[in-house]
Each structure stands twice: as C-alpha cells, then as structure tokens.
Amino acid sequence: MTRAALALLDGDVYQAFRWNMLAFIIAPLLATYFVLEKKKMLKPSKVLMTSMLVMAVLFFILRNTKTFGWMAPTAI
C-alpha cells in the first residue's frame, strides 16, 4: 500500500494501480458500505462486506499463481 500511496502522491495513478489494484477496487465499495450502514440498510451492507472479504482473499491467492501473475505488483 505504501508504494501505491507514494505513486499517487507523485501523480502516477497508473503506477499506483499496478502496485495495488485491490485498493482501487475496494475503495469505492467500502465507501458504499459505509453509506449503506449509515442508512441502516443492514442486509445489503453485510452482503457487500462479505463480497469484499471474498474478493480480497481470492485476489491475494490468485495473484501469486502463474496464471494470474499479471495481478502481481510490478514497476512500470
């Protein structure tokens, strides 16, 4: 996450995305989760949180396989 944050501070959004794709996918979903929680929409918020957790676990497993190696952090 630190490399991605430093790339964003440098204005290099594409490099930040390559360093940490998951942050760019999870961030808007996390914001949506907080909105749903604030509006007391508990069932959709629980489904969203569960899906984010599953997405994160799958991402961390898959990016370390040869087939999904393109998901691993790389310098451009």
C-alpha atoms as a PDB file:
ATOM      1  CA  MET A   1       0.000   0.000   0.000  1.00  0.00           C
ATOM      2  CA  THR A   2       2.900   2.359   0.720  1.00  0.00           C
ATOM      3  CA  ARG A   3       4.284   2.141  -2.822  1.00  0.00           C
ATOM      4  CA  ALA A   4       0.820   2.817  -4.222  1.00  0.00           C
ATOM      5  CA  ALA A   5       0.353   5.815  -1.924  1.00  0.00           C
ATOM      6  CA  LEU A   6       3.730   7.242  -2.913  1.00  0.00           C
ATOM      7  CA  ALA A   7       2.907   6.775  -6.600  1.00  0.00           C
ATOM      8  CA  LEU A   8      -0.387   8.624  -6.066  1.00  0.00           C
ATOM      9  CA  LEU A   9       1.460  11.457  -4.320  1.00  0.00           C
ATOM     10  CA  ASP A  10       3.693  11.676  -7.396  1.00  0.00           C
ATOM     11  CA  GLY A  11       0.578  11.860  -9.571  1.00  0.00           C
ATOM     12  CA  ASP A  12       1.208   8.495 -11.230  1.00  0.00           C
ATOM     13  CA  VAL A  13      -2.226   6.881 -10.981  1.00  0.00           C
ATOM     14  CA  TYR A  14      -1.415   4.032 -13.373  1.00  0.00           C
ATOM     15  CA  GLN A  15       1.669   3.003 -11.381  1.00  0.00           C
ATOM     16  CA  ALA A  16      -0.329   3.198  -8.150  1.00  0.00           C
ATOM     17  CA  PHE A  17      -2.921   0.909  -9.738  1.00  0.00           C
ATOM     18  CA  ARG A  18      -0.189  -1.557 -10.762  1.00  0.00           C
ATOM     19  CA  TRP A  19       1.240  -1.548  -7.232  1.00  0.00           C
ATOM     20  CA  ASN A  20      -2.130  -2.203  -5.572  1.00  0.00           C
ATOM     21  CA  MET A  21      -5.098  -2.977  -7.831  1.00  0.00           C
ATOM     22  CA  LEU A  22      -7.246  -4.167  -4.982  1.00  0.00           C
ATOM     23  CA  ALA A  23      -7.246  -0.763  -3.278  1.00  0.00           C
ATOM     24  CA  PHE A  24      -8.759   0.815  -6.386  1.00  0.00           C
ATOM     25  CA  ILE A  25     -11.458  -1.851  -6.498  1.00  0.00           C
ATOM     26  CA  ILE A  26     -12.244  -1.993  -2.780  1.00  0.00           C
ATOM     27  CA  ALA A  27     -12.190   1.767  -2.012  1.00  0.00           C
ATOM     28  CA  PRO A  28     -15.474   2.659  -3.791  1.00  0.00           C
ATOM     29  CA  LEU A  29     -17.108  -0.492  -2.427  1.00  0.00           C
ATOM     30  CA  LEU A  30     -16.004   0.430   1.086  1.00  0.00           C
ATOM     31  CA  ALA A  31     -17.480   3.918   0.687  1.00  0.00           C
ATOM     32  CA  THR A  32     -20.737   2.320  -0.479  1.00  0.00           C
ATOM     33  CA  TYR A  33     -20.654   0.015   2.534  1.00  0.00           C
ATOM     34  CA  PHE A  34     -20.398   2.967   4.935  1.00  0.00           C
ATOM     35  CA  VAL A  35     -23.293   4.742   3.202  1.00  0.00           C
ATOM     36  CA  LEU A  36     -25.444   1.615   3.491  1.00  0.00           C
ATOM     37  CA  GLU A  37     -24.525   1.246   7.162  1.00  0.00           C
ATOM     38  CA  LYS A  38     -25.393   4.873   7.845  1.00  0.00           C
ATOM     39  CA  LYS A  39     -28.783   4.427   6.154  1.00  0.00           C
ATOM     40  CA  LYS A  40     -29.359   1.306   8.302  1.00  0.00           C
ATOM     41  CA  MET A  41     -29.586  -0.967   5.265  1.00  0.00           C
ATOM     42  CA  LEU A  42     -28.022  -3.864   7.139  1.00  0.00           C
ATOM     43  CA  LYS A  43     -28.659  -6.778   4.773  1.00  0.00           C
ATOM     44  CA  PRO A  44     -27.127  -5.131   1.669  1.00  0.00           C
ATOM     45  CA  SER A  45     -24.206  -3.842   3.748  1.00  0.00           C
ATOM     46  CA  LYS A  46     -23.476  -7.328   5.111  1.00  0.00           C
ATOM     47  CA  VAL A  47     -23.616  -8.801   1.611  1.00  0.00           C
ATOM     48  CA  LEU A  48     -21.258  -6.090   0.355  1.00  0.00           C
ATOM     49  CA  MET A  49     -18.801  -6.613   3.220  1.00  0.00           C
ATOM     50  CA  THR A  50     -18.827 -10.372   2.685  1.00  0.00           C
ATOM     51  CA  SER A  51     -18.215  -9.949  -1.041  1.00  0.00           C
ATOM     52  CA  MET A  52     -15.303  -7.555  -0.361  1.00  0.00           C
ATOM     53  CA  LEU A  53     -13.768 -10.092   2.007  1.00  0.00           C
ATOM     54  CA  VAL A  54     -14.123 -12.904  -0.538  1.00  0.00           C
ATOM     55  CA  MET A  55     -12.706 -10.637  -3.265  1.00  0.00           C
ATOM     56  CA  ALA A  56      -9.683  -9.764  -1.126  1.00  0.00           C
ATOM     57  CA  VAL A  57      -8.922 -13.378  -0.220  1.00  0.00           C
ATOM     58  CA  LEU A  58      -9.267 -14.518  -3.836  1.00  0.00           C
ATOM     59  CA  PHE A  59      -7.125 -11.637  -5.037  1.00  0.00           C
ATOM     60  CA  PHE A  60      -4.297 -12.439  -2.628  1.00  0.00           C
ATOM     61  CA  ILE A  61      -4.382 -16.125  -3.549  1.00  0.00           C
ATOM     62  CA  LEU A  62      -4.745 -15.716  -7.313  1.00  0.00           C
ATOM     63  CA  ARG A  63      -2.119 -13.026  -7.784  1.00  0.00           C
ATOM     64  CA  ASN A  64       0.510 -15.465  -6.526  1.00  0.00           C
ATOM     65  CA  THR A  65      -0.287 -18.079  -9.169  1.00  0.00           C
ATOM     66  CA  LYS A  66       1.336 -18.251 -12.566  1.00  0.00           C
ATOM     67  CA  THR A  67      -1.943 -17.879 -14.469  1.00  0.00           C
ATOM     68  CA  PHE A  68      -2.858 -14.631 -12.709  1.00  0.00           C
ATOM     69  CA  GLY A  69       0.689 -13.275 -12.444  1.00  0.00           C
ATOM     70  CA  TRP A  70      -0.418 -10.105 -14.243  1.00  0.00           C
ATOM     71  CA  MET A  71      -2.166  -9.122 -10.977  1.00  0.00           C
ATOM     72  CA  ALA A  72       1.101  -9.069  -9.017  1.00  0.00           C
ATOM     73  CA  PRO A  73       2.614  -5.672  -8.162  1.00  0.00           C
ATOM     74  CA  THR A  74       5.045  -4.537 -10.852  1.00  0.00           C
ATOM     75  CA  ALA A  75       7.012  -1.403 -11.602  1.00  0.00           C
ATOM     76  CA  ILE A  76       6.224   0.275 -14.896  1.00  0.00           C
END
